[in-house]
Protein backbone atom coordinates (compact mmCIF):
# COMPACT_ATOMS: atom_id res chain seq x y z
CA MET A 1 100.46 -55.81 136.64
CA SER A 2 100.97 -52.86 134.40
CA THR A 3 98.24 -51.77 132.04
CA PRO A 4 99.24 -51.19 128.41
CA PRO A 5 98.80 -47.65 127.29
CA PRO A 6 95.63 -46.94 125.31
CA PRO A 7 96.05 -47.03 121.57
CA GLY A 8 96.91 -43.72 120.03
CA PRO A 9 94.93 -42.21 117.23
CA GLU A 10 95.22 -44.16 114.03
CA GLN A 11 96.55 -42.56 110.91
CA PRO A 12 93.67 -41.72 108.50
CA GLN A 13 93.63 -43.92 105.45
CA GLY A 14 92.95 -42.53 101.98
CA PRO A 15 90.96 -44.24 99.23
CA GLN A 16 92.40 -47.41 97.82
CA GLY A 17 94.45 -47.04 94.65
CA GLN A 18 95.62 -43.95 92.85
CA TYR A 19 92.39 -42.92 91.08
CA PRO A 20 88.79 -42.54 92.30
CA ALA A 21 86.21 -45.13 91.34
CA PRO A 22 84.98 -44.60 87.75
CA HIS A 23 81.32 -44.37 88.76
CA PRO A 24 79.65 -43.10 91.94
CA GLN A 25 78.17 -45.75 94.16
CA GLY A 26 74.41 -45.46 94.46
CA PRO A 27 72.74 -42.18 93.49
CA TYR A 28 75.33 -40.01 95.17
CA GLY A 29 78.90 -39.28 94.18
CA GLN A 30 82.11 -39.93 96.05
CA GLY A 31 83.18 -37.82 99.04
CA PRO A 32 84.26 -34.23 98.50
CA TYR A 33 87.90 -34.73 99.42
CA PRO A 34 90.44 -35.66 96.73
CA HIS A 35 93.06 -38.28 97.23
CA ASP A 36 95.81 -35.71 97.72
CA SER A 37 94.04 -34.18 100.73
CA PHE A 38 94.84 -37.18 102.91
CA PRO A 39 98.08 -36.91 104.91
CA GLN A 40 100.83 -39.06 103.49
CA GLY A 41 103.19 -41.06 105.67
CA PRO A 42 103.19 -41.22 109.49
CA TYR A 43 102.25 -38.27 111.63
CA PRO A 44 105.23 -36.36 113.08
CA GLN A 45 106.00 -37.47 116.62
CA GLY A 46 106.16 -34.97 119.56
CA PRO A 47 107.08 -32.85 121.15
CA TYR A 48 103.45 -31.75 121.76
CA ALA A 49 101.90 -30.57 124.97
CA PRO A 50 99.14 -32.78 126.35
CA PRO A 51 95.64 -31.62 125.53
CA PRO A 52 93.95 -29.64 128.31
CA TYR A 53 90.90 -31.87 128.20
CA GLY A 54 90.27 -35.56 127.65
CA VAL A 55 90.13 -36.82 124.05
CA TRP A 56 87.14 -38.95 123.03
CA ASN A 57 88.18 -42.31 121.77
CA PRO A 58 85.47 -43.76 119.48
CA TYR A 59 86.83 -47.26 119.32
CA PRO A 60 85.38 -48.66 122.57
CA HIS A 61 81.93 -48.25 120.90
CA PRO A 62 80.89 -50.49 118.01
CA PRO A 63 80.76 -48.74 114.60
CA GLN A 64 77.36 -47.65 113.27
CA PRO A 65 75.85 -49.88 110.56
CA SER A 66 75.96 -48.51 107.03
CA HIS A 67 72.98 -47.14 105.09
CA ASN A 68 71.30 -49.47 102.66
CA GLY A 69 72.07 -48.36 99.10
CA VAL A 70 68.78 -49.67 97.71
CA ALA A 71 66.89 -47.53 100.25
CA ILE A 72 68.76 -44.45 99.06
CA ALA A 73 67.90 -45.24 95.43
CA ALA A 74 64.24 -45.75 96.33
CA LEU A 75 64.13 -42.38 98.07
CA VAL A 76 65.71 -40.60 95.11
CA LEU A 77 63.25 -42.14 92.62
CA GLY A 78 60.37 -41.31 94.94
CA VAL A 79 61.36 -37.66 95.34
CA LEU A 80 61.91 -37.21 91.61
CA CYS A 81 58.70 -39.12 90.78
CA PHE A 82 60.73 -40.85 88.07
CA LEU A 83 59.86 -44.45 87.27
CA PRO A 84 57.48 -44.70 90.25
CA GLY A 85 56.94 -48.42 89.73
CA VAL A 86 60.67 -49.05 90.07
CA GLY A 87 60.89 -46.80 93.15
CA LEU A 88 58.12 -48.74 94.87
CA VAL A 89 59.78 -52.10 94.19
CA LEU A 90 63.17 -50.81 95.38
CA GLY A 91 61.59 -49.52 98.60
CA LEU A 92 60.11 -52.94 99.40
CA VAL A 93 63.36 -54.71 98.54
CA ALA A 94 65.29 -52.30 100.77
CA LEU A 95 63.01 -53.03 103.77
CA ARG A 96 63.69 -56.76 103.49
CA GLN A 97 67.46 -56.20 103.15
CA ILE A 98 67.55 -53.83 106.14
CA LYS A 99 65.71 -56.29 108.35
CA LYS A 100 68.01 -59.14 107.29
CA ARG A 101 71.34 -57.28 107.43
CA GLY A 102 70.68 -54.86 110.27
CA GLU A 103 71.47 -51.87 108.06
CA ARG A 104 70.20 -48.33 108.46
CA GLY A 105 67.83 -46.57 106.05
CA LYS A 106 64.42 -47.94 107.02
CA GLY A 107 62.92 -44.44 107.01
CA MET A 108 64.33 -43.72 103.56
CA ALA A 109 62.96 -47.00 102.19
CA ILE A 110 59.49 -46.31 103.61
CA ALA A 111 59.53 -42.71 102.31
CA GLY A 112 60.71 -43.80 98.87
CA ALA A 113 58.03 -46.48 98.61
CA ALA A 114 55.32 -44.05 99.77
CA LEU A 115 56.33 -41.29 97.35
CA SER A 116 56.59 -43.77 94.49
CA SER A 117 53.10 -45.05 95.31
CA VAL A 118 51.77 -41.50 95.05
CA GLY A 119 53.60 -40.99 91.76
CA LEU A 120 52.24 -44.26 90.41
CA ALA A 121 48.70 -43.18 91.30
CA LEU A 122 49.17 -39.83 89.56
CA TRP A 123 50.45 -41.53 86.39
CA ALA A 124 47.51 -43.93 86.44
CA LEU A 125 45.19 -40.90 86.61
CA ALA A 126 47.03 -38.95 83.92
CA ILE A 127 47.12 -41.65 81.25
CA PRO A 128 43.33 -42.05 80.77
CA THR A 129 42.84 -38.27 80.68
CA GLY A 130 45.57 -37.76 78.06
CA VAL A 131 47.75 -35.55 80.26
CA ALA A 132 50.81 -37.76 79.92
CA SER A 133 50.32 -38.08 76.18
CA GLU A 134 49.98 -34.31 75.75
CA ALA A 135 53.08 -33.71 77.85
CA TRP A 136 55.11 -36.15 75.75
CA GLU A 137 53.85 -34.65 72.49
CA GLY A 138 54.75 -31.20 73.76
CA PHE A 139 58.23 -32.40 74.62
CA LYS A 140 58.68 -33.92 71.15
CA GLU A 141 57.45 -30.77 69.43
CA GLY A 142 59.76 -28.62 71.49
CA ALA A 143 62.71 -30.89 70.72
CA ALA A 144 61.87 -30.87 67.02
CA GLU A 145 61.62 -27.08 66.97
CA GLU A 146 64.98 -26.85 68.68
CA THR A 147 66.52 -29.24 66.16
CA LEU A 148 64.99 -27.61 63.09
CA SER A 149 65.79 -24.05 64.04
CA VAL A 150 66.28 -22.52 60.57
CA ARG A 151 63.69 -21.72 57.94
CA LYS A 152 63.58 -20.77 54.26
CA GLY A 153 65.24 -17.42 53.66
CA GLN A 154 67.29 -17.46 56.87
CA CYS A 155 71.08 -17.43 57.03
CA PHE A 156 73.12 -19.18 59.69
CA ASP A 157 76.56 -19.97 61.05
CA ALA A 158 77.52 -23.57 61.82
CA PRO A 159 79.85 -24.58 64.66
CA GLY A 160 83.41 -24.30 63.38
CA GLY A 161 82.15 -23.01 60.04
CA SER A 162 81.78 -26.55 58.65
CA LEU A 163 78.64 -27.76 56.85
CA GLU A 164 79.62 -31.42 57.06
CA GLY A 165 79.33 -33.89 59.91
CA GLU A 166 76.88 -33.57 62.81
CA THR A 167 75.67 -30.50 64.62
CA TYR A 168 73.19 -29.76 67.39
CA ASP A 169 73.06 -25.99 67.10
CA LEU A 170 72.97 -23.32 64.39
CA ASP A 171 73.17 -19.59 64.97
CA ILE A 172 70.77 -17.43 62.92
CA VAL A 173 72.58 -14.40 61.52
CA PRO A 174 71.63 -11.59 59.09
CA CYS A 175 72.07 -12.49 55.42
CA ASP A 176 73.62 -9.09 54.67
CA GLY A 177 76.88 -10.01 56.38
CA GLU A 178 79.09 -13.08 56.23
CA HIS A 179 77.48 -16.43 56.99
CA ASP A 180 78.08 -20.14 56.48
CA GLY A 181 74.79 -21.08 54.86
CA GLU A 182 71.45 -19.83 53.52
CA VAL A 183 68.32 -21.98 53.65
CA PHE A 184 66.41 -22.13 50.36
CA ALA A 185 63.91 -24.95 50.97
CA THR A 186 62.63 -27.50 53.48
CA VAL A 187 61.37 -30.99 52.68
CA THR A 188 59.18 -33.12 54.95
CA VAL A 189 59.97 -36.84 54.96
CA PRO A 190 56.95 -39.18 55.22
CA ASP A 191 56.26 -40.48 58.71
CA GLY A 192 57.04 -44.02 59.76
CA SER A 193 60.11 -45.88 60.93
CA TYR A 194 63.50 -44.30 60.33
CA PRO A 195 64.37 -45.03 56.67
CA GLY A 196 68.12 -45.18 57.30
CA ASP A 197 70.99 -42.78 56.64
CA ASP A 198 71.44 -43.75 52.99
CA ARG A 199 67.76 -43.30 52.15
CA ILE A 200 67.59 -39.93 53.93
CA THR A 201 70.66 -38.73 52.03
CA SER A 202 69.18 -39.91 48.72
CA ILE A 203 65.93 -38.02 49.35
CA ALA A 204 67.83 -34.89 50.33
CA ASP A 205 70.03 -35.09 47.25
CA ASP A 206 67.08 -35.45 44.86
CA LYS A 207 64.82 -32.84 46.45
CA CYS A 208 67.32 -30.13 47.32
CA TYR A 209 69.01 -29.99 43.93
CA ALA A 210 65.60 -29.87 42.24
CA LEU A 211 64.40 -26.99 44.44
CA GLN A 212 67.43 -24.71 44.30
CA ASN A 213 66.30 -22.88 41.14
CA ASP A 214 62.94 -22.02 42.66
CA TYR A 215 64.76 -19.90 45.25
CA ALA A 216 67.70 -18.68 43.18
CA MET A 217 65.99 -18.43 39.79
CA ASP A 218 68.88 -16.57 38.21
CA VAL A 219 71.51 -19.30 38.16
CA TRP A 220 74.01 -16.81 36.72
CA ALA A 221 73.89 -14.91 40.02
CA VAL A 222 74.97 -17.98 42.05
CA PRO A 223 78.79 -17.91 42.45
CA ASP A 224 80.79 -20.89 41.21
CA HIS A 225 82.06 -21.60 44.72
CA VAL A 226 78.51 -22.13 46.04
CA ASP A 227 76.84 -25.53 46.12
CA VAL A 228 73.93 -27.30 47.76
CA TYR A 229 74.10 -28.70 51.29
CA TYR A 230 71.39 -30.20 53.43
CA LEU A 231 70.63 -30.77 57.09
CA THR A 232 69.04 -34.16 57.62
CA PRO A 233 67.41 -35.92 60.60
CA THR A 234 69.47 -38.43 62.53
CA ARG A 235 68.15 -41.63 64.04
CA GLN A 236 68.08 -39.90 67.44
CA SER A 237 66.23 -36.76 66.27
CA TRP A 238 63.79 -38.94 64.30
CA ARG A 239 62.60 -40.45 67.59
CA LEU A 240 61.74 -36.92 68.75
CA GLY A 241 59.59 -36.24 65.70
CA ASP A 242 62.16 -34.66 63.37
CA ARG A 243 60.99 -35.29 59.79
CA GLU A 244 62.42 -32.26 58.01
CA ILE A 245 65.29 -31.95 55.55
CA THR A 246 66.70 -28.42 55.33
CA CYS A 247 68.26 -27.44 51.99
CA ALA A 248 70.90 -24.71 52.09
CA PHE A 249 73.50 -22.98 49.96
CA GLY A 250 77.05 -23.10 51.28
CA ASN A 251 80.58 -22.33 50.21
CA THR A 252 82.52 -25.25 48.76
CA ASP A 253 85.80 -23.73 49.95
CA GLU A 254 86.86 -25.06 53.34
CA LYS A 255 85.92 -22.52 56.02
CA GLY A 256 84.64 -20.22 53.25
CA THR A 257 81.64 -17.99 53.88
CA LEU A 258 78.85 -16.36 51.89
CA THR A 259 78.07 -12.65 51.84
CA GLY A 260 74.63 -11.32 50.96
CA SER A 261 71.49 -13.28 50.12
CA LEU A 262 71.30 -15.48 47.02
CA ARG A 263 67.52 -15.24 46.92
CA ASN A 264 66.00 -14.07 43.65
CA ASP A 265 62.41 -15.20 43.18
CA ALA A 266 58.94 -13.66 43.13
CA THR A 267 59.68 -11.91 46.45
CA THR A 268 62.68 -9.99 45.09
CA LEU A 269 62.22 -9.74 41.28
CA ASP A 270 60.11 -7.36 39.21
CA ALA A 271 57.56 -8.60 36.64
CA ASP A 272 59.93 -8.45 33.65
CA GLN A 273 62.76 -10.25 35.44
CA LEU A 274 60.38 -12.91 36.70
CA ALA A 275 58.85 -13.53 33.25
CA TYR A 276 62.24 -13.96 31.60
CA LEU A 277 63.71 -16.22 34.29
CA GLU A 278 60.62 -18.44 34.36
CA SER A 279 60.94 -19.04 30.61
CA VAL A 280 64.63 -19.84 30.99
CA ARG A 281 64.02 -22.18 33.94
CA ASP A 282 61.55 -24.32 32.00
CA LEU A 283 64.00 -24.74 29.11
CA ASP A 284 66.91 -25.49 31.45
CA THR A 285 64.86 -28.24 33.08
CA VAL A 286 64.58 -30.03 29.74
CA LEU A 287 68.22 -29.45 28.77
CA ASP A 288 69.30 -31.02 32.07
CA ARG A 289 67.61 -34.28 31.02
CA GLU A 290 70.06 -34.89 28.20
CA PRO A 291 70.76 -38.65 27.90
CA GLU A 292 74.04 -39.91 29.31
CA ALA A 293 74.57 -42.17 26.30
CA TYR A 294 76.06 -40.60 23.16
CA ALA A 295 74.07 -40.61 19.93
CA GLU A 296 76.44 -43.28 18.57
CA ASP A 297 75.34 -45.61 21.36
CA ASP A 298 71.65 -44.69 21.65
CA LEU A 299 70.38 -42.52 18.80
CA ASP A 300 66.72 -43.06 19.67
CA ALA A 301 67.11 -41.69 23.20
CA ASN A 302 68.93 -38.62 21.93
CA THR A 303 66.46 -37.84 19.13
CA GLU A 304 63.56 -38.23 21.56
CA TRP A 305 65.22 -35.76 23.93
CA ALA A 306 65.89 -33.35 21.04
CA GLY A 307 62.14 -33.34 20.39
CA GLU A 308 61.55 -32.29 24.01
CA VAL A 309 64.09 -29.47 23.63
CA ARG A 310 62.36 -28.35 20.42
CA ASP A 311 59.05 -28.06 22.30
CA ALA A 312 60.67 -26.27 25.25
CA VAL A 313 62.33 -23.70 22.95
CA ALA A 314 58.97 -23.12 21.28
CA ALA A 315 57.35 -22.63 24.70
CA GLN A 316 60.02 -20.11 25.73
CA THR A 317 59.52 -18.23 22.46
CA GLU A 318 55.78 -17.95 23.08
CA ALA A 319 56.30 -16.88 26.70
CA LEU A 320 58.67 -14.08 25.69
CA ARG A 321 56.33 -12.95 22.94
CA GLY A 322 53.30 -12.99 25.20
CA HIS A 323 54.76 -10.74 27.88
CA THR A 324 54.54 -6.95 27.71
CA TRP A 325 58.07 -5.67 28.28
CA THR A 326 58.79 -2.30 29.81
CA GLY A 327 61.72 0.09 29.52
CA ASP A 328 64.63 -0.94 27.33
CA ALA A 329 63.89 -4.68 27.44
CA GLU A 330 61.55 -5.04 24.46
CA ARG A 331 64.18 -4.55 21.75
CA PRO A 332 66.75 -7.12 22.95
CA VAL A 333 63.96 -9.58 23.78
CA THR A 334 62.67 -9.35 20.20
CA ALA A 335 66.16 -10.11 18.88
CA LEU A 336 66.42 -13.10 21.23
CA VAL A 337 63.07 -14.43 20.05
CA LYS A 338 64.29 -14.49 16.44
CA GLU A 339 67.36 -16.45 17.53
CA LEU A 340 65.16 -18.90 19.44
CA GLU A 341 63.08 -19.53 16.31
CA THR A 342 66.23 -20.51 14.43
CA ALA A 343 67.33 -22.74 17.29
CA ARG A 344 63.93 -24.45 17.38
CA LYS A 345 64.33 -25.48 13.71
CA HIS A 346 67.71 -27.06 14.40
CA TRP A 347 66.32 -29.01 17.36
CA ALA A 348 63.45 -30.17 15.15
CA ASN A 349 65.97 -31.50 12.62
CA ALA A 350 67.97 -33.15 15.38
CA ALA A 351 64.80 -34.89 16.56
CA THR A 352 64.36 -36.52 13.15
CA ALA A 353 68.04 -37.26 12.43
CA GLY A 354 68.69 -40.69 10.97
CA ASP A 355 72.35 -40.94 11.98
CA PRO A 356 74.62 -39.55 14.72
CA ASP A 357 76.49 -37.14 12.42
CA THR A 358 73.27 -35.41 11.34
CA PHE A 359 72.10 -35.32 14.92
CA TYR A 360 75.27 -33.61 16.18
CA GLU A 361 75.25 -31.12 13.30
CA HIS A 362 71.88 -29.74 14.38
CA TYR A 363 72.65 -30.33 18.07
CA ASP A 364 75.63 -27.93 17.91
CA ALA A 365 73.70 -25.34 15.87
CA GLY A 366 70.73 -25.50 18.22
CA TYR A 367 72.93 -24.99 21.28
CA ALA A 368 74.76 -22.01 19.73
CA PHE A 369 72.19 -19.50 21.00
CA TYR A 370 72.45 -20.71 24.60
CA ASP A 371 74.07 -18.10 26.86
CA GLY A 372 75.04 -16.14 23.76
CA ALA A 373 75.41 -12.43 23.10
CA LYS A 374 71.68 -11.79 22.64
CA THR A 375 70.96 -13.47 25.96
CA ILE A 376 73.48 -11.17 27.66
CA ASP A 377 71.80 -8.15 26.01
CA VAL A 378 68.45 -9.15 27.46
CA ARG A 379 69.92 -9.68 30.91
CA GLU A 380 71.65 -6.33 30.87
CA ALA A 381 68.40 -4.58 29.90
CA LEU A 382 66.56 -6.37 32.71
CA GLY A 383 69.19 -5.64 35.34
CA LEU A 384 70.15 -9.30 35.80
CA ASP A 385 73.59 -10.85 36.13
CA THR A 386 75.52 -10.80 32.85
CA SER A 387 78.35 -13.24 33.69
CA PRO A 388 77.62 -16.73 32.31
CA PRO A 389 78.38 -19.49 34.82
CA GLU A 390 81.09 -22.03 34.23
CA TYR A 391 79.61 -25.44 33.51
CA ASP A 392 81.59 -28.47 34.59
CA TYR A 393 79.70 -31.61 33.68
CA ASP A 394 82.71 -33.92 33.52
CA SER A 395 84.23 -33.39 36.95
CA GLY A 396 82.30 -36.29 38.45
CA GLU A 397 82.64 -34.70 41.87
CA ASP A 398 79.83 -33.86 44.22
CA SER A 399 81.09 -30.82 46.04
CA GLY A 400 77.98 -30.46 48.16
CA GLY A 401 77.35 -32.34 51.34
CA ASP A 402 75.03 -32.97 54.23
CA LEU A 403 74.91 -31.93 57.84
CA ASP A 404 73.12 -34.24 60.31
CA VAL A 405 71.10 -32.76 63.14
């Protein structure tokens, strides 16, 4: 009776399907060999010389049992000391599965359970002493500092040059050269639960636009293509303690940049420049509160506002008179004061107007001095910008924007 020849070596089989599994099984990834590394098709047949020694055939011996995946996971969690309670439970579950299924990995399950027990004991010790709390607070502070990496007076470049959308990184650059933005203020949002994207944007819009003139007091020196942007917390950064809104100047032109600092405040101005710009800022604040309704629709609101302008013009007049001017500034300032006195009388008449026509007659005359020739003379004597800005109140467009962090 002839004996059939022993089976030849089987052709290795590659992974099933064309693509690898989308996720690694257990805590470890797939094998290091790609699908294409497996031989395709049958092996070429002879002619080959017989091997000089015998070839071990593994098939007469039963295959080794596989490792228990839960045991592997328990060991990983135990080594990393991450979620020690979970690692301990997985280790105990793995021991029961190994005993029932005859799988390998008992040592890993025991080691994982033991290490997790040690980790659990350490956490139990750390919580009463505040170590865990301090570590978490330190992590949150570090994350917040990384998120809010720019401060007032610093200039930065944003990824791709865009100040809209989301970003996780800003590069601090010198303000002397080209840059995407310049920070002029920061605002801290009250603590508590995350107020929502709309509320954060509303706070940023109100605060940043109100604070811009404190940093760039000479509004004439701010180019027309520059507007206000803000970096706001996201829901994710809020969880890490981020409560800060960062207000910045940026170019409204797409991919446009700024060159040089826009800062002109007490840190950069002399005493005469500061005194003049402070008086102008207070008046501008009142002028910006002009009612949206025309005098024909709401005369009372407009006459009340005209009274506020009258008082603000009087306050500016007194401020300019009360300052001691140096150099060539005194003469043009004196001429401007006389013009302001005339303007104040017109605003006083507008405040007591009994009909819209009378109101607008004094309204136009009172506004005539604003950004006029005498104002330019004062600015030239003080070394300030002499190019009046272009005002566009009717565009209805908000060219600024926000950048989430």
